[in-house]
Amino acid sequence: QVQLVESGGGLVQAGGSLKLSCAASGRTFRTYGMGWFRQAPGKEREFVSAITRSGASTTYADSVKGRFTISRDNAKNTVYLQMNSLKPEDTAVYYCAADRLGGGDVRGTSSAYFGNWGQGTQVTVSS
């Protein structure tokens, strides 16, 4: 079973940048599609971005397209989320998760396709 640990969150002013990391244990990380989700207080967990096992294909929520970039380094067992031009509405706990049954692809943007959730990292964007 892969275990995921997120880091890199913090407090940043609107317009600033943060880079989140999700470190995975185990040798199977490179076989999974990976996703980032976020959950703001009082709201449902929502999809942010996903990447296939090779990194060749990525998907973004409309709300972050053009501002966020997902990437992965399979040699380091790590997936990243570079967040630029941050807005107050980006404030949330950010989680990474693995699509273990996708054969390396990402089956969809629903959280139901993902598992092995990390503990999350808080991102707060001040106006």
Foldseek 3Di string as FASTA:
>chain_A
DKAKAKDWADEEAAQAKIKMKIAIDDLCLLQWKKFKWWDDPPDDIFGAKIAFSVRPDMDGDPVQPPFWDWGDDSVRRMIMIIGGRDDQVVWTWMKMWTQPPPRRGQPDGDCVSTDNIHPTDTHGYHD
